[in-house]
Amino acid sequence: MSRRTRDWDEGLAEDLKDPTFAKEFLLAAVEEEISLQEALAKVIRCYGIKEFAEMIGIPSSNLSRALDQRHNPTQETLNKLLQPFGLIIGVRPLDEHRRRIA
């Protein structure tokens, strides 16, 4: 990996430790149709799996499983992972989504 890419990745990892930046990152990722699970995994790994698991009060093995693309976490689990960033899963009318795309 080139030095430039590594520096960029390290910089992004540091930025993602800021809950406000992480919140905007997660919102933008979902808006760009990146899976919520994938975006959360990127953010949480910047904090450290063990550290984040302790912060939200779940075993790190459960957190790792929730972030694994082969598993399908419950809405309750996803909301627990989103809580430190001031986010929660929700729904909105399809018409609103279509207007944003246009």
C-alpha atoms as a PDB file:
ATOM      1  CA  MET A   1       0.000   0.000   0.000  1.00  0.00           C
ATOM      2  CA  SER A   2       1.350   3.415  -0.876  1.00  0.00           C
ATOM      3  CA  ARG A   3       2.185   5.917   1.835  1.00  0.00           C
ATOM      4  CA  ARG A   4      -0.402   8.370   0.564  1.00  0.00           C
ATOM      5  CA  THR A   5      -3.241   5.817   0.882  1.00  0.00           C
ATOM      6  CA  ARG A   6      -2.128   4.725   4.344  1.00  0.00           C
ATOM      7  CA  ASP A   7      -2.017   8.345   5.545  1.00  0.00           C
ATOM      8  CA  TRP A   8      -5.497   8.945   4.149  1.00  0.00           C
ATOM      9  CA  ASP A   9      -6.853   5.798   5.841  1.00  0.00           C
ATOM     10  CA  GLU A  10      -5.241   6.783   9.149  1.00  0.00           C
ATOM     11  CA  GLY A  11      -6.687  10.284   8.873  1.00  0.00           C
ATOM     12  CA  LEU A  12     -10.159   8.950   8.142  1.00  0.00           C
ATOM     13  CA  ALA A  13      -9.883   6.508  11.047  1.00  0.00           C
ATOM     14  CA  GLU A  14      -9.058   9.392  13.392  1.00  0.00           C
ATOM     15  CA  ASP A  15     -11.940  11.497  12.015  1.00  0.00           C
ATOM     16  CA  LEU A  16     -14.374   8.602  12.453  1.00  0.00           C
ATOM     17  CA  LYS A  17     -13.617   8.524  16.190  1.00  0.00           C
ATOM     18  CA  ASP A  18     -15.434  11.867  16.431  1.00  0.00           C
ATOM     19  CA  PRO A  19     -19.124  10.958  17.000  1.00  0.00           C
ATOM     20  CA  THR A  20     -20.362  13.962  14.995  1.00  0.00           C
ATOM     21  CA  PHE A  21     -18.166  13.083  12.006  1.00  0.00           C
ATOM     22  CA  ALA A  22     -19.119   9.414  12.318  1.00  0.00           C
ATOM     23  CA  LYS A  23     -22.807  10.346  12.350  1.00  0.00           C
ATOM     24  CA  GLU A  24     -22.452  12.322   9.113  1.00  0.00           C
ATOM     25  CA  PHE A  25     -20.390   9.500   7.593  1.00  0.00           C
ATOM     26  CA  LEU A  26     -23.100   6.953   8.425  1.00  0.00           C
ATOM     27  CA  LEU A  27     -25.888   9.162   7.068  1.00  0.00           C
ATOM     28  CA  ALA A  28     -23.961   9.803   3.845  1.00  0.00           C
ATOM     29  CA  ALA A  29     -23.144   6.107   3.429  1.00  0.00           C
ATOM     30  CA  VAL A  30     -26.785   5.089   3.723  1.00  0.00           C
ATOM     31  CA  GLU A  31     -27.806   7.900   1.372  1.00  0.00           C
ATOM     32  CA  GLU A  32     -25.300   6.509  -1.144  1.00  0.00           C
ATOM     33  CA  GLU A  33     -26.919   3.072  -0.674  1.00  0.00           C
ATOM     34  CA  ILE A  34     -23.938   1.531   1.126  1.00  0.00           C
ATOM     35  CA  SER A  35     -25.198  -1.088   3.550  1.00  0.00           C
ATOM     36  CA  LEU A  36     -25.682   0.190   7.080  1.00  0.00           C
ATOM     37  CA  GLN A  37     -23.912  -2.885   8.402  1.00  0.00           C
ATOM     38  CA  GLU A  38     -20.856  -2.191   6.219  1.00  0.00           C
ATOM     39  CA  ALA A  39     -20.727   1.501   7.183  1.00  0.00           C
ATOM     40  CA  LEU A  40     -21.113   0.702  10.892  1.00  0.00           C
ATOM     41  CA  ALA A  41     -18.328  -1.871  10.643  1.00  0.00           C
ATOM     42  CA  LYS A  42     -15.949   0.745   9.218  1.00  0.00           C
ATOM     43  CA  VAL A  43     -16.779   3.252  11.957  1.00  0.00           C
ATOM     44  CA  ILE A  44     -16.760   0.778  14.846  1.00  0.00           C
ATOM     45  CA  ARG A  45     -13.439  -0.759  13.820  1.00  0.00           C
ATOM     46  CA  CYS A  46     -11.898   2.715  14.151  1.00  0.00           C
ATOM     47  CA  TYR A  47     -12.953   2.732  17.794  1.00  0.00           C
ATOM     48  CA  GLY A  48     -11.860  -0.868  18.276  1.00  0.00           C
ATOM     49  CA  ILE A  49     -14.297  -3.778  18.565  1.00  0.00           C
ATOM     50  CA  LYS A  50     -13.564  -4.453  22.228  1.00  0.00           C
ATOM     51  CA  GLU A  51     -13.686  -0.775  23.223  1.00  0.00           C
ATOM     52  CA  PHE A  52     -16.939  -0.110  21.362  1.00  0.00           C
ATOM     53  CA  ALA A  53     -18.541  -3.267  22.768  1.00  0.00           C
ATOM     54  CA  GLU A  54     -17.704  -2.100  26.293  1.00  0.00           C
ATOM     55  CA  MET A  55     -19.051   1.370  25.508  1.00  0.00           C
ATOM     56  CA  ILE A  56     -22.468   0.020  24.468  1.00  0.00           C
ATOM     57  CA  GLY A  57     -22.566  -2.865  26.922  1.00  0.00           C
ATOM     58  CA  ILE A  58     -22.541  -5.951  24.728  1.00  0.00           C
ATOM     59  CA  PRO A  59     -19.986  -8.770  24.434  1.00  0.00           C
ATOM     60  CA  SER A  60     -17.366  -8.134  21.749  1.00  0.00           C
ATOM     61  CA  SER A  61     -18.157 -11.507  20.155  1.00  0.00           C
ATOM     62  CA  ASN A  62     -21.771 -10.390  19.636  1.00  0.00           C
ATOM     63  CA  LEU A  63     -20.567  -7.116  18.160  1.00  0.00           C
ATOM     64  CA  SER A  64     -18.235  -8.907  15.754  1.00  0.00           C
ATOM     65  CA  ARG A  65     -21.082 -11.161  14.647  1.00  0.00           C
ATOM     66  CA  ALA A  66     -23.410  -8.176  14.123  1.00  0.00           C
ATOM     67  CA  LEU A  67     -20.820  -6.539  11.849  1.00  0.00           C
ATOM     68  CA  ASP A  68     -20.146  -9.708   9.843  1.00  0.00           C
ATOM     69  CA  GLN A  69     -21.843  -9.491   6.431  1.00  0.00           C
ATOM     70  CA  ARG A  70     -22.807 -13.176   6.709  1.00  0.00           C
ATOM     71  CA  HIS A  71     -25.104 -12.372   9.652  1.00  0.00           C
ATOM     72  CA  ASN A  72     -28.259 -10.326   9.777  1.00  0.00           C
ATOM     73  CA  PRO A  73     -28.424  -8.240  12.979  1.00  0.00           C
ATOM     74  CA  THR A  74     -31.811  -7.385  14.456  1.00  0.00           C
ATOM     75  CA  GLN A  75     -33.214  -3.889  14.388  1.00  0.00           C
ATOM     76  CA  GLU A  76     -32.691  -3.751  18.148  1.00  0.00           C
ATOM     77  CA  THR A  77     -28.990  -4.551  17.727  1.00  0.00           C
ATOM     78  CA  LEU A  78     -28.540  -2.002  14.932  1.00  0.00           C
ATOM     79  CA  ASN A  79     -30.228   0.667  17.044  1.00  0.00           C
ATOM     80  CA  LYS A  80     -27.883  -0.149  19.929  1.00  0.00           C
ATOM     81  CA  LEU A  81     -24.910   0.281  17.573  1.00  0.00           C
ATOM     82  CA  LEU A  82     -26.290   3.573  16.236  1.00  0.00           C
ATOM     83  CA  GLN A  83     -27.150   5.063  19.639  1.00  0.00           C
ATOM     84  CA  PRO A  84     -23.670   6.522  20.409  1.00  0.00           C
ATOM     85  CA  PHE A  85     -23.963   8.548  17.203  1.00  0.00           C
ATOM     86  CA  GLY A  86     -27.416   9.892  18.017  1.00  0.00           C
ATOM     87  CA  LEU A  87     -29.076   7.814  15.298  1.00  0.00           C
ATOM     88  CA  ILE A  88     -31.889   5.288  15.119  1.00  0.00           C
ATOM     89  CA  ILE A  89     -33.309   3.232  12.253  1.00  0.00           C
ATOM     90  CA  GLY A  90     -36.451   4.694  10.739  1.00  0.00           C
ATOM     91  CA  VAL A  91     -38.668   4.641   7.706  1.00  0.00           C
ATOM     92  CA  ARG A  92     -39.853   7.355   5.385  1.00  0.00           C
ATOM     93  CA  PRO A  93     -42.369   7.481   2.560  1.00  0.00           C
ATOM     94  CA  LEU A  94     -41.127   6.167  -0.765  1.00  0.00           C
ATOM     95  CA  ASP A  95     -42.220   9.394  -2.478  1.00  0.00           C
ATOM     96  CA  GLU A  96     -39.743  11.369  -0.353  1.00  0.00           C
ATOM     97  CA  HIS A  97     -36.912   9.028  -1.392  1.00  0.00           C
ATOM     98  CA  ARG A  98     -37.816   9.374  -5.077  1.00  0.00           C
ATOM     99  CA  ARG A  99     -37.834  13.178  -4.845  1.00  0.00           C
ATOM    100  CA  ARG A 100     -34.319  13.126  -3.386  1.00  0.00           C
ATOM    101  CA  ILE A 101     -33.076  10.982  -6.275  1.00  0.00           C
ATOM    102  CA  ALA A 102     -34.576  13.236  -8.957  1.00  0.00           C
END
